[in-house]
Amino acid sequence: MIPARRFRRPLRFALLAGLLLLVWLFARRYDFYRIPEADQSLAPIWPSGSRVLVERIDADAPLPRGTDVVYRMEREGVDYARFGRVQAGPGDSVASEEGFLTVDGQRFRPIALRGEALGVVPQGHVAVFAINPAERRYPDSRTLGFVPRADVRGVLVSRVAFGGP
């Protein structure tokens, strides 16, 4: 009979190696972001100050309407993470009609636009808007124009409850 002690060290090593592999795989696929306190663009679904888990996506992965995303915005040489909801994809016509966002003539939700058409979303871009119609301080497709698809960093997956709100 072989003593059980001989297998403890290799078993512990295998368990630790497996755990490290899982952590490495998780870290390659997901990021953590914090929605700034002043950002109400995704409230009440994703409240300001929330920590969120974001799944990284490929530049050619489909982004259907209604997908909440984090995207890159550059201002004066500084990169910022912005949050919003994809409302239109390539080929969709985006406008505002009587205070409502319209995509290909279909009304979606109230939005602070002045009735002007934003135009047709070009290939390789998406239209990203705040879902909170009262949010006007943070830029989205109303002020930035259409967001390059390559600047979409990932899809919001879940709120994370560690270290605060």
C-alpha atoms as a PDB file:
ATOM      1  CA  MET A   1       0.000   0.000   0.000  1.00  0.00           C
ATOM      2  CA  ILE A   2       1.321   3.455  -0.983  1.00  0.00           C
ATOM      3  CA  PRO A   3       1.206   6.113   1.731  1.00  0.00           C
ATOM      4  CA  ALA A   4      -1.278   8.952   1.009  1.00  0.00           C
ATOM      5  CA  ARG A   5       1.359  11.536   1.917  1.00  0.00           C
ATOM      6  CA  ARG A   6       3.233  10.863  -1.340  1.00  0.00           C
ATOM      7  CA  PHE A   7       0.346  12.293  -3.352  1.00  0.00           C
ATOM      8  CA  ARG A   8      -0.393  15.419  -1.321  1.00  0.00           C
ATOM      9  CA  ARG A   9       2.289  17.637  -2.828  1.00  0.00           C
ATOM     10  CA  PRO A  10       1.591  16.725  -6.501  1.00  0.00           C
ATOM     11  CA  LEU A  11      -2.150  17.022  -5.861  1.00  0.00           C
ATOM     12  CA  ARG A  12      -1.758  20.484  -4.317  1.00  0.00           C
ATOM     13  CA  PHE A  13       0.455  21.529  -7.220  1.00  0.00           C
ATOM     14  CA  ALA A  14      -2.087  20.288  -9.776  1.00  0.00           C
ATOM     15  CA  LEU A  15      -4.936  22.106  -8.006  1.00  0.00           C
ATOM     16  CA  LEU A  16      -2.947  25.342  -7.805  1.00  0.00           C
ATOM     17  CA  ALA A  17      -1.925  25.066 -11.481  1.00  0.00           C
ATOM     18  CA  GLY A  18      -5.559  24.472 -12.464  1.00  0.00           C
ATOM     19  CA  LEU A  19      -6.723  27.474 -10.427  1.00  0.00           C
ATOM     20  CA  LEU A  20      -4.058  29.703 -11.995  1.00  0.00           C
ATOM     21  CA  LEU A  21      -5.078  28.502 -15.449  1.00  0.00           C
ATOM     22  CA  LEU A  22      -8.718  29.421 -14.750  1.00  0.00           C
ATOM     23  CA  VAL A  23      -7.710  32.877 -13.481  1.00  0.00           C
ATOM     24  CA  TRP A  24      -5.547  33.414 -16.567  1.00  0.00           C
ATOM     25  CA  LEU A  25      -8.387  32.368 -18.910  1.00  0.00           C
ATOM     26  CA  PHE A  26     -10.820  34.666 -17.075  1.00  0.00           C
ATOM     27  CA  ALA A  27      -8.397  37.611 -17.221  1.00  0.00           C
ATOM     28  CA  ARG A  28      -7.942  37.169 -20.968  1.00  0.00           C
ATOM     29  CA  ARG A  29     -11.681  37.372 -21.621  1.00  0.00           C
ATOM     30  CA  TYR A  30     -13.007  39.887 -19.067  1.00  0.00           C
ATOM     31  CA  ASP A  31     -12.208  43.349 -17.716  1.00  0.00           C
ATOM     32  CA  PHE A  32     -13.537  45.335 -14.782  1.00  0.00           C
ATOM     33  CA  TYR A  33     -14.629  48.952 -15.189  1.00  0.00           C
ATOM     34  CA  ARG A  34     -16.186  51.499 -12.871  1.00  0.00           C
ATOM     35  CA  ILE A  35     -18.899  53.762 -14.206  1.00  0.00           C
ATOM     36  CA  PRO A  36     -17.966  57.312 -13.100  1.00  0.00           C
ATOM     37  CA  GLU A  37     -20.065  58.828 -10.301  1.00  0.00           C
ATOM     38  CA  ALA A  38     -21.237  61.695 -12.515  1.00  0.00           C
ATOM     39  CA  ASP A  39     -22.175  59.439 -15.448  1.00  0.00           C
ATOM     40  CA  GLN A  40     -25.923  58.772 -15.516  1.00  0.00           C
ATOM     41  CA  SER A  41     -25.970  57.556 -19.138  1.00  0.00           C
ATOM     42  CA  LEU A  42     -26.999  53.959 -18.316  1.00  0.00           C
ATOM     43  CA  ALA A  43     -29.009  54.653 -15.161  1.00  0.00           C
ATOM     44  CA  PRO A  44     -31.072  53.061 -13.690  1.00  0.00           C
ATOM     45  CA  ILE A  45     -29.980  49.717 -15.188  1.00  0.00           C
ATOM     46  CA  TRP A  46     -26.264  50.358 -14.611  1.00  0.00           C
ATOM     47  CA  PRO A  47     -26.124  53.015 -11.832  1.00  0.00           C
ATOM     48  CA  SER A  48     -23.294  55.516 -11.659  1.00  0.00           C
ATOM     49  CA  GLY A  49     -20.444  54.382  -9.424  1.00  0.00           C
ATOM     50  CA  SER A  50     -21.127  50.719 -10.249  1.00  0.00           C
ATOM     51  CA  ARG A  51     -18.308  48.332 -10.886  1.00  0.00           C
ATOM     52  CA  VAL A  52     -19.102  46.244 -13.946  1.00  0.00           C
ATOM     53  CA  LEU A  53     -17.756  43.093 -15.532  1.00  0.00           C
ATOM     54  CA  VAL A  54     -17.126  43.585 -19.253  1.00  0.00           C
ATOM     55  CA  GLU A  55     -16.607  40.780 -21.746  1.00  0.00           C
ATOM     56  CA  ARG A  56     -14.027  41.697 -24.362  1.00  0.00           C
ATOM     57  CA  ILE A  57     -15.214  41.216 -27.929  1.00  0.00           C
ATOM     58  CA  ASP A  58     -13.553  40.947 -31.316  1.00  0.00           C
ATOM     59  CA  ALA A  59     -13.770  43.882 -33.706  1.00  0.00           C
ATOM     60  CA  ASP A  60     -15.895  41.811 -36.081  1.00  0.00           C
ATOM     61  CA  ALA A  61     -18.277  40.344 -33.460  1.00  0.00           C
ATOM     62  CA  PRO A  62     -21.926  41.260 -34.053  1.00  0.00           C
ATOM     63  CA  LEU A  63     -23.407  44.009 -31.871  1.00  0.00           C
ATOM     64  CA  PRO A  64     -27.214  43.807 -31.996  1.00  0.00           C
ATOM     65  CA  ARG A  65     -29.416  46.738 -30.997  1.00  0.00           C
ATOM     66  CA  GLY A  66     -29.867  47.030 -27.264  1.00  0.00           C
ATOM     67  CA  THR A  67     -26.371  45.806 -26.355  1.00  0.00           C
ATOM     68  CA  ASP A  68     -24.830  47.796 -23.497  1.00  0.00           C
ATOM     69  CA  VAL A  69     -21.176  48.465 -24.269  1.00  0.00           C
ATOM     70  CA  VAL A  70     -18.062  50.244 -23.110  1.00  0.00           C
ATOM     71  CA  TYR A  71     -16.257  52.125 -25.853  1.00  0.00           C
ATOM     72  CA  ARG A  72     -13.133  54.228 -26.232  1.00  0.00           C
ATOM     73  CA  MET A  73     -13.311  57.968 -26.664  1.00  0.00           C
ATOM     74  CA  GLU A  74     -10.282  60.175 -27.180  1.00  0.00           C
ATOM     75  CA  ARG A  75     -10.253  63.832 -26.204  1.00  0.00           C
ATOM     76  CA  GLU A  76      -7.152  66.022 -26.326  1.00  0.00           C
ATOM     77  CA  GLY A  77      -4.917  62.962 -26.574  1.00  0.00           C
ATOM     78  CA  VAL A  78      -6.422  61.227 -23.520  1.00  0.00           C
ATOM     79  CA  ASP A  79      -8.378  57.947 -23.763  1.00  0.00           C
ATOM     80  CA  TYR A  80     -11.610  57.619 -21.827  1.00  0.00           C
ATOM     81  CA  ALA A  81     -13.929  54.666 -21.300  1.00  0.00           C
ATOM     82  CA  ARG A  82     -17.535  55.608 -22.108  1.00  0.00           C
ATOM     83  CA  PHE A  83     -20.695  53.600 -21.584  1.00  0.00           C
ATOM     84  CA  GLY A  84     -23.800  53.416 -23.744  1.00  0.00           C
ATOM     85  CA  ARG A  85     -26.262  51.249 -25.626  1.00  0.00           C
ATOM     86  CA  VAL A  86     -25.898  50.287 -29.271  1.00  0.00           C
ATOM     87  CA  GLN A  87     -29.010  51.626 -30.995  1.00  0.00           C
ATOM     88  CA  ALA A  88     -28.074  51.188 -34.654  1.00  0.00           C
ATOM     89  CA  GLY A  89     -25.585  49.335 -36.815  1.00  0.00           C
ATOM     90  CA  PRO A  90     -24.132  49.750 -40.296  1.00  0.00           C
ATOM     91  CA  GLY A  91     -26.713  50.760 -42.881  1.00  0.00           C
ATOM     92  CA  ASP A  92     -29.313  51.945 -40.338  1.00  0.00           C
ATOM     93  CA  SER A  93     -30.739  55.459 -40.692  1.00  0.00           C
ATOM     94  CA  VAL A  94     -30.692  57.368 -37.382  1.00  0.00           C
ATOM     95  CA  ALA A  95     -32.767  60.488 -36.645  1.00  0.00           C
ATOM     96  CA  SER A  96     -34.893  62.177 -34.015  1.00  0.00           C
ATOM     97  CA  GLU A  97     -38.626  62.599 -34.473  1.00  0.00           C
ATOM     98  CA  GLU A  98     -40.736  64.530 -31.970  1.00  0.00           C
ATOM     99  CA  GLY A  99     -38.193  63.910 -29.210  1.00  0.00           C
ATOM    100  CA  PHE A 100     -37.846  60.183 -29.905  1.00  0.00           C
ATOM    101  CA  LEU A 101     -34.860  58.339 -31.328  1.00  0.00           C
ATOM    102  CA  THR A 102     -35.804  56.696 -34.609  1.00  0.00           C
ATOM    103  CA  VAL A 103     -33.851  53.990 -36.384  1.00  0.00           C
ATOM    104  CA  ASP A 104     -35.010  53.247 -39.924  1.00  0.00           C
ATOM    105  CA  GLY A 105     -38.218  55.126 -39.099  1.00  0.00           C
ATOM    106  CA  GLN A 106     -39.015  53.014 -36.019  1.00  0.00           C
ATOM    107  CA  ARG A 107     -39.392  54.933 -32.724  1.00  0.00           C
ATOM    108  CA  PHE A 108     -37.337  53.674 -29.809  1.00  0.00           C
ATOM    109  CA  ARG A 109     -37.219  55.977 -26.817  1.00  0.00           C
ATOM    110  CA  PRO A 110     -37.071  59.640 -25.797  1.00  0.00           C
ATOM    111  CA  ILE A 111     -33.797  61.358 -26.586  1.00  0.00           C
ATOM    112  CA  ALA A 112     -32.449  64.871 -26.385  1.00  0.00           C
ATOM    113  CA  LEU A 113     -31.952  65.588 -30.086  1.00  0.00           C
ATOM    114  CA  ARG A 114     -33.203  68.640 -31.920  1.00  0.00           C
ATOM    115  CA  GLY A 115     -35.096  66.803 -34.650  1.00  0.00           C
ATOM    116  CA  GLU A 116     -32.145  66.522 -36.993  1.00  0.00           C
ATOM    117  CA  ALA A 117     -31.131  63.358 -38.774  1.00  0.00           C
ATOM    118  CA  LEU A 118     -27.762  61.959 -37.795  1.00  0.00           C
ATOM    119  CA  GLY A 119     -27.648  60.029 -41.047  1.00  0.00           C
ATOM    120  CA  VAL A 120     -26.904  56.492 -42.128  1.00  0.00           C
ATOM    121  CA  VAL A 121     -24.458  54.529 -39.994  1.00  0.00           C
ATOM    122  CA  PRO A 122     -21.413  53.748 -42.167  1.00  0.00           C
ATOM    123  CA  GLN A 123     -19.763  50.326 -42.372  1.00  0.00           C
ATOM    124  CA  GLY A 124     -17.471  49.657 -39.420  1.00  0.00           C
ATOM    125  CA  HIS A 125     -19.414  51.983 -37.081  1.00  0.00           C
ATOM    126  CA  VAL A 126     -22.309  51.830 -34.614  1.00  0.00           C
ATOM    127  CA  ALA A 127     -24.617  54.448 -33.091  1.00  0.00           C
ATOM    128  CA  VAL A 128     -24.266  54.442 -29.294  1.00  0.00           C
ATOM    129  CA  PHE A 129     -26.568  56.490 -27.065  1.00  0.00           C
ATOM    130  CA  ALA A 130     -27.235  56.967 -23.373  1.00  0.00           C
ATOM    131  CA  ILE A 131     -30.375  55.107 -22.274  1.00  0.00           C
ATOM    132  CA  ASN A 132     -31.193  57.815 -19.753  1.00  0.00           C
ATOM    133  CA  PRO A 133     -32.874  60.569 -21.800  1.00  0.00           C
ATOM    134  CA  ALA A 134     -31.986  63.179 -19.177  1.00  0.00           C
ATOM    135  CA  GLU A 135     -28.227  62.531 -19.505  1.00  0.00           C
ATOM    136  CA  ARG A 136     -26.708  65.241 -21.659  1.00  0.00           C
ATOM    137  CA  ARG A 137     -23.319  65.867 -20.049  1.00  0.00           C
ATOM    138  CA  TYR A 138     -21.493  62.791 -21.295  1.00  0.00           C
ATOM    139  CA  PRO A 139     -20.773  62.434 -25.011  1.00  0.00           C
ATOM    140  CA  ASP A 140     -22.351  59.731 -27.153  1.00  0.00           C
ATOM    141  CA  SER A 141     -23.347  59.571 -30.823  1.00  0.00           C
ATOM    142  CA  ARG A 142     -25.282  62.835 -30.422  1.00  0.00           C
ATOM    143  CA  THR A 143     -22.004  64.729 -30.032  1.00  0.00           C
ATOM    144  CA  LEU A 144     -19.304  62.266 -31.126  1.00  0.00           C
ATOM    145  CA  GLY A 145     -21.030  60.997 -34.242  1.00  0.00           C
ATOM    146  CA  PHE A 146     -20.972  57.305 -35.013  1.00  0.00           C
ATOM    147  CA  VAL A 147     -18.522  55.243 -32.943  1.00  0.00           C
ATOM    148  CA  PRO A 148     -15.935  53.204 -34.866  1.00  0.00           C
ATOM    149  CA  ARG A 149     -16.594  49.511 -34.251  1.00  0.00           C
ATOM    150  CA  ALA A 150     -12.905  49.033 -33.398  1.00  0.00           C
ATOM    151  CA  ASP A 151     -13.344  51.449 -30.448  1.00  0.00           C
ATOM    152  CA  VAL A 152     -15.975  49.236 -28.769  1.00  0.00           C
ATOM    153  CA  ARG A 153     -14.006  47.510 -26.015  1.00  0.00           C
ATOM    154  CA  GLY A 154     -16.609  45.104 -24.732  1.00  0.00           C
ATOM    155  CA  VAL A 155     -20.127  44.209 -23.646  1.00  0.00           C
ATOM    156  CA  LEU A 156     -21.370  44.872 -20.115  1.00  0.00           C
ATOM    157  CA  VAL A 157     -22.140  41.544 -18.487  1.00  0.00           C
ATOM    158  CA  SER A 158     -22.832  42.089 -14.800  1.00  0.00           C
ATOM    159  CA  ARG A 159     -22.495  44.421 -11.839  1.00  0.00           C
ATOM    160  CA  VAL A 160     -19.760  43.398  -9.436  1.00  0.00           C
ATOM    161  CA  ALA A 161     -20.220  43.936  -5.702  1.00  0.00           C
ATOM    162  CA  PHE A 162     -16.747  44.176  -4.241  1.00  0.00           C
ATOM    163  CA  GLY A 163     -15.180  47.123  -2.507  1.00  0.00           C
ATOM    164  CA  GLY A 164     -18.185  49.463  -2.374  1.00  0.00           C
ATOM    165  CA  PRO A 165     -21.382  50.284  -4.266  1.00  0.00           C
END
